[in-house]
Protein backbone atom coordinates (compact mmCIF):
# COMPACT_ATOMS: atom_id res chain seq x y z
CA MET A 1 87.62 3.90 -27.36
CA SER A 2 86.96 6.74 -24.30
CA LEU A 3 86.98 10.83 -24.78
CA GLY A 4 90.21 10.46 -22.76
CA GLN A 5 92.02 8.19 -25.10
CA LYS A 6 91.59 9.84 -27.94
CA LEU A 7 92.40 13.45 -26.01
CA ARG A 8 95.83 11.19 -24.62
CA GLN A 9 95.95 9.76 -28.37
CA LEU A 10 95.26 13.08 -30.75
CA ARG A 11 97.64 15.01 -28.17
CA GLU A 12 100.60 12.95 -28.42
CA LYS A 13 100.31 13.04 -32.08
CA ARG A 14 101.68 15.95 -32.33
CA GLY A 15 104.02 15.66 -29.44
CA TRP A 16 102.25 17.56 -27.09
CA SER A 17 102.06 17.92 -23.35
CA GLN A 18 99.36 18.17 -21.50
CA ASN A 19 100.36 21.86 -20.56
CA GLU A 20 100.59 22.93 -23.73
CA LEU A 21 97.17 21.40 -25.12
CA SER A 22 95.64 23.26 -21.74
CA ARG A 23 97.66 26.61 -23.14
CA GLN A 24 96.36 26.32 -26.84
CA THR A 25 92.98 25.75 -25.44
CA GLY A 26 92.74 27.88 -22.16
CA VAL A 27 91.49 23.92 -20.96
CA ARG A 28 92.64 23.53 -17.15
CA GLN A 29 95.42 21.29 -17.04
CA ALA A 30 94.21 19.38 -14.26
CA LEU A 31 90.61 19.53 -16.44
CA LEU A 32 93.33 16.66 -19.22
CA SER A 33 94.65 15.10 -17.02
CA GLU A 34 91.02 13.91 -15.42
CA LEU A 35 89.84 12.96 -18.55
CA GLU A 36 92.51 11.37 -19.67
CA SER A 37 93.24 9.51 -16.70
CA GLY A 38 89.15 8.24 -16.51
CA LYS A 39 87.96 10.07 -13.24
CA LYS A 40 85.95 11.94 -15.55
CA VAL A 41 84.75 11.06 -18.42
CA ASP A 42 83.01 14.38 -19.70
CA THR A 43 82.98 17.89 -20.02
CA THR A 44 81.58 21.17 -21.11
CA GLY A 45 80.41 21.70 -24.91
CA GLN A 46 82.80 24.59 -24.50
CA ALA A 47 85.71 23.03 -23.93
CA LEU A 48 85.06 19.97 -26.39
CA LYS A 49 85.36 22.82 -28.70
CA ARG A 50 88.39 24.94 -27.67
CA LEU A 51 90.09 20.92 -27.21
CA ALA A 52 88.40 19.53 -31.32
CA ARG A 53 89.71 22.67 -32.67
CA ALA A 54 93.04 22.55 -31.35
CA LEU A 55 93.46 18.76 -32.34
CA GLY A 56 91.93 18.99 -35.37
CA VAL A 57 88.81 17.13 -34.82
CA SER A 58 84.84 17.60 -34.36
CA VAL A 59 83.62 17.47 -31.64
CA ASP A 60 81.60 14.58 -32.92
CA TYR A 61 84.06 12.46 -33.11
CA LEU A 62 85.62 13.13 -29.60
CA VAL A 63 82.24 12.18 -28.23
CA GLY A 64 81.95 8.93 -29.93
CA MET A 65 79.53 10.16 -32.72
CA TYR A 66 82.08 8.56 -35.28
CA ASP A 67 84.70 5.61 -35.22
CA THR A 68 86.97 7.60 -37.64
CA ALA A 69 88.78 11.11 -37.06
CA ASP A 70 88.50 14.00 -39.94
CA GLU A 71 91.25 16.19 -39.05
CA ASP A 72 90.29 18.43 -41.95
CA ALA A 73 87.05 18.56 -40.58
CA ALA A 74 87.99 20.76 -37.24
């Protein structure tokens, strides 16, 4: 599963729009859209940290180091 697919799945699991995830993290909504659509496949470490923290997963999970989300690890 790609970074964008994971972001979308975790975001939707929480019932959040891209705008809400952007508000929670300070990551631009346009970047979230590009990641989820596959137009971009990577982003900065700072953005990944913010996204992981808000979504309750580790950065390692988001970048594909692990196949399962440990939602208590963040």
